[in-house]
Amino acid sequence: APLIARLLGLLAWLVLLLPAWALAFWLTQLAYGWLLDIVL
């Protein structure tokens, strides 16, 4: 159903993006994180 499909699409977006963003944010706060900033 449309509502379920939209919720599943949002869930898929969150599953794919939030862990990747959180990991990248944490790593760029470490020493020499600026190197990862350039790479990203």
ModelCIF file with pLDDT and N, C-alpha, C, O atoms, coordinates in Angstrom:
data_MODEL
#
_entry.id   MODEL 
#
_entity.id                         1 
_entity.type                       polymer 
_entity.pdbx_number_of_molecules   1 
#
_entity_poly.entity_id                      1 
_entity_poly.type                           'polypeptide(L)' 
_entity_poly.nstd_linkage                   no 
_entity_poly.nstd_monomer                   no 
_entity_poly.pdbx_seq_one_letter_code       APLIARLLGLLAWLVLLLPAWALAFWLTQLAYGWLLDIVL 
_entity_poly.pdbx_seq_one_letter_code_can   APLIARLLGLLAWLVLLLPAWALAFWLTQLAYGWLLDIVL 
_entity_poly.pdbx_strand_id                 A 
#
loop_
_entity_poly_seq.entity_id 
_entity_poly_seq.num 
_entity_poly_seq.mon_id 
_entity_poly_seq.hetero 
1 1  ALA n 
1 2  PRO n 
1 3  LEU n 
1 4  ILE n 
1 5  ALA n 
1 6  ARG n 
1 7  LEU n 
1 8  LEU n 
1 9  GLY n 
1 10 LEU n 
1 11 LEU n 
1 12 ALA n 
1 13 TRP n 
1 14 LEU n 
1 15 VAL n 
1 16 LEU n 
1 17 LEU n 
1 18 LEU n 
1 19 PRO n 
1 20 ALA n 
1 21 TRP n 
1 22 ALA n 
1 23 LEU n 
1 24 ALA n 
1 25 PHE n 
1 26 TRP n 
1 27 LEU n 
1 28 THR n 
1 29 GLN n 
1 30 LEU n 
1 31 ALA n 
1 32 TYR n 
1 33 GLY n 
1 34 TRP n 
1 35 LEU n 
1 36 LEU n 
1 37 ASP n 
1 38 ILE n 
1 39 VAL n 
1 40 LEU n 
#
_struct_asym.id          A 
_struct_asym.entity_id   1 
#
loop_
_ma_qa_metric.id 
_ma_qa_metric.mode 
_ma_qa_metric.name 
_ma_qa_metric.software_group_id 
_ma_qa_metric.type 
1 global pLDDT . pLDDT 
2 local  pLDDT . pLDDT 
#
_ma_qa_metric_global.metric_id      1 
_ma_qa_metric_global.metric_value   94.72 
_ma_qa_metric_global.model_id       1 
_ma_qa_metric_global.ordinal_id     1 
#
loop_
_ma_qa_metric_local.label_asym_id 
_ma_qa_metric_local.label_comp_id 
_ma_qa_metric_local.label_seq_id 
_ma_qa_metric_local.metric_id 
_ma_qa_metric_local.metric_value 
_ma_qa_metric_local.model_id 
_ma_qa_metric_local.ordinal_id 
A ALA 1  2 93.00 1 1  
A PRO 2  2 93.00 1 2  
A LEU 3  2 95.00 1 3  
A ILE 4  2 95.00 1 4  
A ALA 5  2 94.00 1 5  
A ARG 6  2 96.00 1 6  
A LEU 7  2 97.00 1 7  
A LEU 8  2 96.00 1 8  
A GLY 9  2 96.00 1 9  
A LEU 10 2 97.00 1 10 
A LEU 11 2 97.00 1 11 
A ALA 12 2 97.00 1 12 
A TRP 13 2 97.00 1 13 
A LEU 14 2 97.00 1 14 
A VAL 15 2 96.00 1 15 
A LEU 16 2 96.00 1 16 
A LEU 17 2 96.00 1 17 
A LEU 18 2 95.00 1 18 
A PRO 19 2 95.00 1 19 
A ALA 20 2 95.00 1 20 
A TRP 21 2 96.00 1 21 
A ALA 22 2 96.00 1 22 
A LEU 23 2 96.00 1 23 
A ALA 24 2 96.00 1 24 
A PHE 25 2 95.00 1 25 
A TRP 26 2 96.00 1 26 
A LEU 27 2 95.00 1 27 
A THR 28 2 93.00 1 28 
A GLN 29 2 91.00 1 29 
A LEU 30 2 91.00 1 30 
A ALA 31 2 86.00 1 31 
A TYR 32 2 89.00 1 32 
A GLY 33 2 91.00 1 33 
A TRP 34 2 92.00 1 34 
A LEU 35 2 95.00 1 35 
A LEU 36 2 95.00 1 36 
A ASP 37 2 96.00 1 37 
A ILE 38 2 96.00 1 38 
A VAL 39 2 95.00 1 39 
A LEU 40 2 96.00 1 40 
#
loop_
_atom_site.group_PDB 
_atom_site.id 
_atom_site.type_symbol 
_atom_site.label_atom_id 
_atom_site.label_alt_id 
_atom_site.label_comp_id 
_atom_site.label_asym_id 
_atom_site.label_entity_id 
_atom_site.label_seq_id 
_atom_site.pdbx_PDB_ins_code 
_atom_site.Cartn_x 
_atom_site.Cartn_y 
_atom_site.Cartn_z 
_atom_site.occupancy 
_atom_site.B_iso_or_equiv 
_atom_site.pdbx_formal_charge 
_atom_site.auth_seq_id 
_atom_site.auth_comp_id 
_atom_site.auth_asym_id 
_atom_site.auth_atom_id 
_atom_site.pdbx_PDB_model_num 
ATOM 1   N N  . ALA A 1 1  ? 0.848  -1.193 0.000  1.00 93.00 ? 1  ALA A N  1 
ATOM 2   C CA . ALA A 1 1  ? 0.000  0.000  0.000  1.00 93.00 ? 1  ALA A CA 1 
ATOM 3   C C  . ALA A 1 1  ? 0.883  1.243  0.000  1.00 93.00 ? 1  ALA A C  1 
ATOM 4   O O  . ALA A 1 1  ? 2.017  1.191  0.477  1.00 93.00 ? 1  ALA A O  1 
ATOM 5   N N  . PRO A 1 2  ? 0.377  2.370  -0.533 1.00 93.00 ? 2  PRO A N  1 
ATOM 6   C CA . PRO A 1 2  ? 1.211  3.568  -0.651 1.00 93.00 ? 2  PRO A CA 1 
ATOM 7   C C  . PRO A 1 2  ? 1.910  3.989  0.632  1.00 93.00 ? 2  PRO A C  1 
ATOM 8   O O  . PRO A 1 2  ? 3.099  4.307  0.604  1.00 93.00 ? 2  PRO A O  1 
ATOM 9   N N  . LEU A 1 3  ? 1.199  4.000  1.762  1.00 95.00 ? 3  LEU A N  1 
ATOM 10  C CA . LEU A 1 3  ? 1.811  4.434  3.015  1.00 95.00 ? 3  LEU A CA 1 
ATOM 11  C C  . LEU A 1 3  ? 2.929  3.483  3.436  1.00 95.00 ? 3  LEU A C  1 
ATOM 12  O O  . LEU A 1 3  ? 4.000  3.926  3.851  1.00 95.00 ? 3  LEU A O  1 
ATOM 13  N N  . ILE A 1 4  ? 2.682  2.179  3.329  1.00 95.00 ? 4  ILE A N  1 
ATOM 14  C CA . ILE A 1 4  ? 3.697  1.197  3.703  1.00 95.00 ? 4  ILE A CA 1 
ATOM 15  C C  . ILE A 1 4  ? 4.908  1.331  2.780  1.00 95.00 ? 4  ILE A C  1 
ATOM 16  O O  . ILE A 1 4  ? 6.049  1.270  3.239  1.00 95.00 ? 4  ILE A O  1 
ATOM 17  N N  . ALA A 1 5  ? 4.666  1.512  1.488  1.00 94.00 ? 5  ALA A N  1 
ATOM 18  C CA . ALA A 1 5  ? 5.765  1.653  0.534  1.00 94.00 ? 5  ALA A CA 1 
ATOM 19  C C  . ALA A 1 5  ? 6.613  2.885  0.853  1.00 94.00 ? 5  ALA A C  1 
ATOM 20  O O  . ALA A 1 5  ? 7.840  2.837  0.764  1.00 94.00 ? 5  ALA A O  1 
ATOM 21  N N  . ARG A 1 6  ? 5.960  3.984  1.224  1.00 96.00 ? 6  ARG A N  1 
ATOM 22  C CA . ARG A 1 6  ? 6.715  5.188  1.571  1.00 96.00 ? 6  ARG A CA 1 
ATOM 23  C C  . ARG A 1 6  ? 7.538  4.983  2.837  1.00 96.00 ? 6  ARG A C  1 
ATOM 24  O O  . ARG A 1 6  ? 8.684  5.427  2.911  1.00 96.00 ? 6  ARG A O  1 
ATOM 25  N N  . LEU A 1 7  ? 6.968  4.320  3.824  1.00 97.00 ? 7  LEU A N  1 
ATOM 26  C CA . LEU A 1 7  ? 7.698  4.061  5.060  1.00 97.00 ? 7  LEU A CA 1 
ATOM 27  C C  . LEU A 1 7  ? 8.882  3.129  4.815  1.00 97.00 ? 7  LEU A C  1 
ATOM 28  O O  . LEU A 1 7  ? 9.956  3.324  5.384  1.00 97.00 ? 7  LEU A O  1 
ATOM 29  N N  . LEU A 1 8  ? 8.689  2.125  3.974  1.00 96.00 ? 8  LEU A N  1 
ATOM 30  C CA . LEU A 1 8  ? 9.793  1.220  3.651  1.00 96.00 ? 8  LEU A CA 1 
ATOM 31  C C  . LEU A 1 8  ? 10.885 1.946  2.872  1.00 96.00 ? 8  LEU A C  1 
ATOM 32  O O  . LEU A 1 8  ? 12.069 1.677  3.071  1.00 96.00 ? 8  LEU A O  1 
ATOM 33  N N  . GLY A 1 9  ? 10.498 2.866  1.985  1.00 96.00 ? 9  GLY A N  1 
ATOM 34  C CA . GLY A 1 9  ? 11.482 3.654  1.268  1.00 96.00 ? 9  GLY A CA 1 
ATOM 35  C C  . GLY A 1 9  ? 12.282 4.541  2.198  1.00 96.00 ? 9  GLY A C  1 
ATOM 36  O O  . GLY A 1 9  ? 13.495 4.683  2.039  1.00 96.00 ? 9  GLY A O  1 
ATOM 37  N N  . LEU A 1 10 ? 11.604 5.142  3.177  1.00 97.00 ? 10 LEU A N  1 
ATOM 38  C CA . LEU A 1 10 ? 12.303 5.956  4.174  1.00 97.00 ? 10 LEU A CA 1 
ATOM 39  C C  . LEU A 1 10 ? 13.227 5.091  5.016  1.00 97.00 ? 10 LEU A C  1 
ATOM 40  O O  . LEU A 1 10 ? 14.357 5.486  5.305  1.00 97.00 ? 10 LEU A O  1 
ATOM 41  N N  . LEU A 1 11 ? 12.754 3.909  5.414  1.00 97.00 ? 11 LEU A N  1 
ATOM 42  C CA . LEU A 1 11 ? 13.589 2.990  6.191  1.00 97.00 ? 11 LEU A CA 1 
ATOM 43  C C  . LEU A 1 11 ? 14.837 2.607  5.408  1.00 97.00 ? 11 LEU A C  1 
ATOM 44  O O  . LEU A 1 11 ? 15.940 2.597  5.955  1.00 97.00 ? 11 LEU A O  1 
ATOM 45  N N  . ALA A 1 12 ? 14.666 2.294  4.132  1.00 97.00 ? 12 ALA A N  1 
ATOM 46  C CA . ALA A 1 12 ? 15.814 1.928  3.303  1.00 97.00 ? 12 ALA A CA 1 
ATOM 47  C C  . ALA A 1 12 ? 16.813 3.079  3.221  1.00 97.00 ? 12 ALA A C  1 
ATOM 48  O O  . ALA A 1 12 ? 18.022 2.858  3.288  1.00 97.00 ? 12 ALA A O  1 
ATOM 49  N N  . TRP A 1 13 ? 16.311 4.310  3.075  1.00 97.00 ? 13 TRP A N  1 
ATOM 50  C CA . TRP A 1 13 ? 17.193 5.491  3.027  1.00 97.00 ? 13 TRP A CA 1 
ATOM 51  C C  . TRP A 1 13 ? 17.972 5.607  4.329  1.00 97.00 ? 13 TRP A C  1 
ATOM 52  O O  . TRP A 1 13 ? 19.181 5.835  4.306  1.00 97.00 ? 13 TRP A O  1 
ATOM 53  N N  . LEU A 1 14 ? 17.300 5.454  5.453  1.00 97.00 ? 14 LEU A N  1 
ATOM 54  C CA . LEU A 1 14 ? 17.962 5.584  6.755  1.00 97.00 ? 14 LEU A CA 1 
ATOM 55  C C  . LEU A 1 14 ? 19.008 4.487  6.952  1.00 97.00 ? 14 LEU A C  1 
ATOM 56  O O  . LEU A 1 14 ? 20.108 4.757  7.434  1.00 97.00 ? 14 LEU A O  1 
ATOM 57  N N  . VAL A 1 15 ? 18.673 3.262  6.584  1.00 96.00 ? 15 VAL A N  1 
ATOM 58  C CA . VAL A 1 15 ? 19.599 2.144  6.755  1.00 96.00 ? 15 VAL A CA 1 
ATOM 59  C C  . VAL A 1 15 ? 20.848 2.339  5.910  1.00 96.00 ? 15 VAL A C  1 
ATOM 60  O O  . VAL A 1 15 ? 21.948 2.008  6.352  1.00 96.00 ? 15 VAL A O  1 
ATOM 61  N N  . LEU A 1 16 ? 20.697 2.868  4.710  1.00 96.00 ? 16 LEU A N  1 
ATOM 62  C CA . LEU A 1 16 ? 21.827 3.022  3.811  1.00 96.00 ? 16 LEU A CA 1 
ATOM 63  C C  . LEU A 1 16 ? 22.689 4.240  4.146  1.00 96.00 ? 16 LEU A C  1 
ATOM 64  O O  . LEU A 1 16 ? 23.910 4.187  3.998  1.00 96.00 ? 16 LEU A O  1 
ATOM 65  N N  . LEU A 1 17 ? 22.072 5.334  4.594  1.00 96.00 ? 17 LEU A N  1 
ATOM 66  C CA . LEU A 1 17 ? 22.814 6.578  4.735  1.00 96.00 ? 17 LEU A CA 1 
ATOM 67  C C  . LEU A 1 17 ? 23.286 6.883  6.151  1.00 96.00 ? 17 LEU A C  1 
ATOM 68  O O  . LEU A 1 17 ? 24.421 7.325  6.332  1.00 96.00 ? 17 LEU A O  1 
ATOM 69  N N  . LEU A 1 18 ? 22.460 6.665  7.145  1.00 95.00 ? 18 LEU A N  1 
ATOM 70  C CA . LEU A 1 18 ? 22.848 7.088  8.491  1.00 95.00 ? 18 LEU A CA 1 
ATOM 71  C C  . LEU A 1 18 ? 24.106 6.399  9.011  1.00 95.00 ? 18 LEU A C  1 
ATOM 72  O O  . LEU A 1 18 ? 24.975 7.085  9.551  1.00 95.00 ? 18 LEU A O  1 
ATOM 73  N N  . PRO A 1 19 ? 24.251 5.074  8.878  1.00 95.00 ? 19 PRO A N  1 
ATOM 74  C CA . PRO A 1 19 ? 25.501 4.459  9.351  1.00 95.00 ? 19 PRO A CA 1 
ATOM 75  C C  . PRO A 1 19 ? 26.729 4.979  8.602  1.00 95.00 ? 19 PRO A C  1 
ATOM 76  O O  . PRO A 1 19 ? 27.771 5.216  9.213  1.00 95.00 ? 19 PRO A O  1 
ATOM 77  N N  . ALA A 1 20 ? 26.614 5.156  7.284  1.00 95.00 ? 20 ALA A N  1 
ATOM 78  C CA . ALA A 1 20 ? 27.749 5.650  6.501  1.00 95.00 ? 20 ALA A CA 1 
ATOM 79  C C  . ALA A 1 20 ? 28.124 7.070  6.919  1.00 95.00 ? 20 ALA A C  1 
ATOM 80  O O  . ALA A 1 20 ? 29.304 7.393  7.063  1.00 95.00 ? 20 ALA A O  1 
ATOM 81  N N  . TRP A 1 21 ? 27.107 7.915  7.113  1.00 96.00 ? 21 TRP A N  1 
ATOM 82  C CA . TRP A 1 21 ? 27.390 9.287  7.525  1.00 96.00 ? 21 TRP A CA 1 
ATOM 83  C C  . TRP A 1 21 ? 27.985 9.330  8.926  1.00 96.00 ? 21 TRP A C  1 
ATOM 84  O O  . TRP A 1 21 ? 28.943 10.064 9.166  1.00 96.00 ? 21 TRP A O  1 
ATOM 85  N N  . ALA A 1 22 ? 27.431 8.556  9.851  1.00 96.00 ? 22 ALA A N  1 
ATOM 86  C CA . ALA A 1 22 ? 27.913 8.564  11.235 1.00 96.00 ? 22 ALA A CA 1 
ATOM 87  C C  . ALA A 1 22 ? 29.362 8.080  11.318 1.00 96.00 ? 22 ALA A C  1 
ATOM 88  O O  . ALA A 1 22 ? 30.169 8.649  12.053 1.00 96.00 ? 22 ALA A O  1 
ATOM 89  N N  . LEU A 1 23 ? 29.680 7.044  10.573 1.00 96.00 ? 23 LEU A N  1 
ATOM 90  C CA . LEU A 1 23 ? 31.050 6.538  10.576 1.00 96.00 ? 23 LEU A CA 1 
ATOM 91  C C  . LEU A 1 23 ? 32.010 7.575  9.996  1.00 96.00 ? 23 LEU A C  1 
ATOM 92  O O  . LEU A 1 23 ? 33.090 7.805  10.540 1.00 96.00 ? 23 LEU A O  1 
ATOM 93  N N  . ALA A 1 24 ? 31.608 8.198  8.885  1.00 96.00 ? 24 ALA A N  1 
ATOM 94  C CA . ALA A 1 24 ? 32.460 9.216  8.275  1.00 96.00 ? 24 ALA A CA 1 
ATOM 95  C C  . ALA A 1 24 ? 32.651 10.403 9.212  1.00 96.00 ? 24 ALA A C  1 
ATOM 96  O O  . ALA A 1 24 ? 33.759 10.926 9.334  1.00 96.00 ? 24 ALA A O  1 
ATOM 97  N N  . PHE A 1 25 ? 31.580 10.828 9.870  1.00 95.00 ? 25 PHE A N  1 
ATOM 98  C CA . PHE A 1 25 ? 31.683 11.957 10.791 1.00 95.00 ? 25 PHE A CA 1 
ATOM 99  C C  . PHE A 1 25 ? 32.637 11.635 11.939 1.00 95.00 ? 25 PHE A C  1 
ATOM 100 O O  . PHE A 1 25 ? 33.469 12.465 12.307 1.00 95.00 ? 25 PHE A O  1 
ATOM 101 N N  . TRP A 1 26 ? 32.520 10.431 12.508 1.00 96.00 ? 26 TRP A N  1 
ATOM 102 C CA . TRP A 1 26 ? 33.392 10.039 13.627 1.00 96.00 ? 26 TRP A CA 1 
ATOM 103 C C  . TRP A 1 26 ? 34.851 9.988  13.188 1.00 96.00 ? 26 TRP A C  1 
ATOM 104 O O  . TRP A 1 26 ? 35.728 10.485 13.895 1.00 96.00 ? 26 TRP A O  1 
ATOM 105 N N  . LEU A 1 27 ? 35.115 9.399  12.039 1.00 95.00 ? 27 LEU A N  1 
ATOM 106 C CA . LEU A 1 27 ? 36.496 9.260  11.578 1.00 95.00 ? 27 LEU A CA 1 
ATOM 107 C C  . LEU A 1 27 ? 37.140 10.607 11.278 1.00 95.00 ? 27 LEU A C  1 
ATOM 108 O O  . LEU A 1 27 ? 38.339 10.781 11.496 1.00 95.00 ? 27 LEU A O  1 
ATOM 109 N N  . THR A 1 28 ? 36.357 11.560 10.781 1.00 93.00 ? 28 THR A N  1 
ATOM 110 C CA . THR A 1 28 ? 36.935 12.868 10.470 1.00 93.00 ? 28 THR A CA 1 
ATOM 111 C C  . THR A 1 28 ? 37.221 13.698 11.704 1.00 93.00 ? 28 THR A C  1 
ATOM 112 O O  . THR A 1 28 ? 37.883 14.732 11.614 1.00 93.00 ? 28 THR A O  1 
ATOM 113 N N  . GLN A 1 29 ? 36.729 13.260 12.866 1.00 91.00 ? 29 GLN A N  1 
ATOM 114 C CA . GLN A 1 29 ? 37.041 13.962 14.109 1.00 91.00 ? 29 GLN A CA 1 
ATOM 115 C C  . GLN A 1 29 ? 38.348 13.479 14.726 1.00 91.00 ? 29 GLN A C  1 
ATOM 116 O O  . GLN A 1 29 ? 38.863 14.103 15.654 1.00 91.00 ? 29 GLN A O  1 
ATOM 117 N N  . LEU A 1 30 ? 38.883 12.383 14.225 1.00 91.00 ? 30 LEU A N  1 
ATOM 118 C CA . LEU A 1 30 ? 40.113 11.830 14.776 1.00 91.00 ? 30 LEU A CA 1 
ATOM 119 C C  . LEU A 1 30 ? 41.330 12.592 14.260 1.00 91.00 ? 30 LEU A C  1 
ATOM 120 O O  . LEU A 1 30 ? 41.219 13.437 13.371 1.00 91.00 ? 30 LEU A O  1 
ATOM 121 N N  . ALA A 1 31 ? 42.479 12.284 14.825 1.00 86.00 ? 31 ALA A N  1 
ATOM 122 C CA . ALA A 1 31 ? 43.721 12.879 14.337 1.00 86.00 ? 31 ALA A CA 1 
ATOM 123 C C  . ALA A 1 31 ? 43.900 12.531 12.856 1.00 86.00 ? 31 ALA A C  1 
ATOM 124 O O  . ALA A 1 31 ? 43.661 11.399 12.436 1.00 86.00 ? 31 ALA A O  1 
ATOM 125 N N  . TYR A 1 32 ? 44.317 13.514 12.091 1.00 89.00 ? 32 TYR A N  1 
ATOM 126 C CA . TYR A 1 32 ? 44.495 13.381 10.644 1.00 89.00 ? 32 TYR A CA 1 
ATOM 127 C C  . TYR A 1 32 ? 43.172 13.091 9.924  1.00 89.00 ? 32 TYR A C  1 
ATOM 128 O O  . TYR A 1 32 ? 43.163 12.590 8.799  1.00 89.00 ? 32 TYR A O  1 
ATOM 129 N N  . GLY A 1 33 ? 42.060 13.413 10.588 1.00 91.00 ? 33 GLY A N  1 
ATOM 130 C CA . GLY A 1 33 ? 40.774 13.248 9.924  1.00 91.00 ? 33 GLY A CA 1 
ATOM 131 C C  . GLY A 1 33 ? 40.621 14.118 8.697  1.00 91.00 ? 33 GLY A C  1 
ATOM 132 O O  . GLY A 1 33 ? 39.801 13.838 7.823  1.00 91.00 ? 33 GLY A O  1 
ATOM 133 N N  . TRP A 1 34 ? 41.420 15.182 8.634  1.00 92.00 ? 34 TRP A N  1 
ATOM 134 C CA . TRP A 1 34 ? 41.348 16.074 7.465  1.00 92.00 ? 34 TRP A CA 1 
ATOM 135 C C  . TRP A 1 34 ? 41.739 15.337 6.182  1.00 92.00 ? 34 TRP A C  1 
ATOM 136 O O  . TRP A 1 34 ? 41.299 15.716 5.097  1.00 92.00 ? 34 TRP A O  1 
ATOM 137 N N  . LEU A 1 35 ? 42.559 14.293 6.295  1.00 95.00 ? 35 LEU A N  1 
ATOM 138 C CA . LEU A 1 35 ? 42.896 13.508 5.104  1.00 95.00 ? 35 LEU A CA 1 
ATOM 139 C C  . LEU A 1 35 ? 41.659 12.799 4.566  1.00 95.00 ? 35 LEU A C  1 
ATOM 140 O O  . LEU A 1 35 ? 41.453 12.726 3.355  1.00 95.00 ? 35 LEU A O  1 
ATOM 141 N N  . LEU A 1 36 ? 40.839 12.278 5.477  1.00 95.00 ? 36 LEU A N  1 
ATOM 142 C CA . LEU A 1 36 ? 39.597 11.635 5.054  1.00 95.00 ? 36 LEU A CA 1 
ATOM 143 C C  . LEU A 1 36 ? 38.629 12.665 4.470  1.00 95.00 ? 36 LEU A C  1 
ATOM 144 O O  . LEU A 1 36 ? 37.886 12.358 3.538  1.00 95.00 ? 36 LEU A O  1 
ATOM 145 N N  . ASP A 1 37 ? 38.635 13.894 5.018  1.00 96.00 ? 37 ASP A N  1 
ATOM 146 C CA . ASP A 1 37 ? 37.805 14.952 4.439  1.00 96.00 ? 37 ASP A CA 1 
ATOM 147 C C  . ASP A 1 37 ? 38.117 15.130 2.955  1.00 96.00 ? 37 ASP A C  1 
ATOM 148 O O  . ASP A 1 37 ? 37.213 15.227 2.125  1.00 96.00 ? 37 ASP A O  1 
ATOM 149 N N  . ILE A 1 38 ? 39.402 15.171 2.637  1.00 96.00 ? 38 ILE A N  1 
ATOM 150 C CA . ILE A 1 38 ? 39.820 15.338 1.238  1.00 96.00 ? 38 ILE A CA 1 
ATOM 151 C C  . ILE A 1 38 ? 39.337 14.159 0.394  1.00 96.00 ? 38 ILE A C  1 
ATOM 152 O O  . ILE A 1 38 ? 38.793 14.341 -0.695 1.00 96.00 ? 38 ILE A O  1 
ATOM 153 N N  . VAL A 1 39 ? 39.544 12.958 0.912  1.00 95.00 ? 39 VAL A N  1 
ATOM 154 C CA . VAL A 1 39 ? 39.165 11.759 0.159  1.00 95.00 ? 39 VAL A CA 1 
ATOM 155 C C  . VAL A 1 39 ? 37.661 11.709 -0.068 1.00 95.00 ? 39 VAL A C  1 
ATOM 156 O O  . VAL A 1 39 ? 37.210 11.393 -1.169 1.00 95.00 ? 39 VAL A O  1 
ATOM 157 N N  . LEU A 1 40 ? 36.883 12.017 0.964  1.00 96.00 ? 40 LEU A N  1 
ATOM 158 C CA . LEU A 1 40 ? 35.431 11.975 0.828  1.00 96.00 ? 40 LEU A CA 1 
ATOM 159 C C  . LEU A 1 40 ? 34.931 12.994 -0.188 1.00 96.00 ? 40 LEU A C  1 
ATOM 160 O O  . LEU A 1 40 ? 33.727 13.091 -0.424 1.00 96.00 ? 40 LEU A O  1 
#
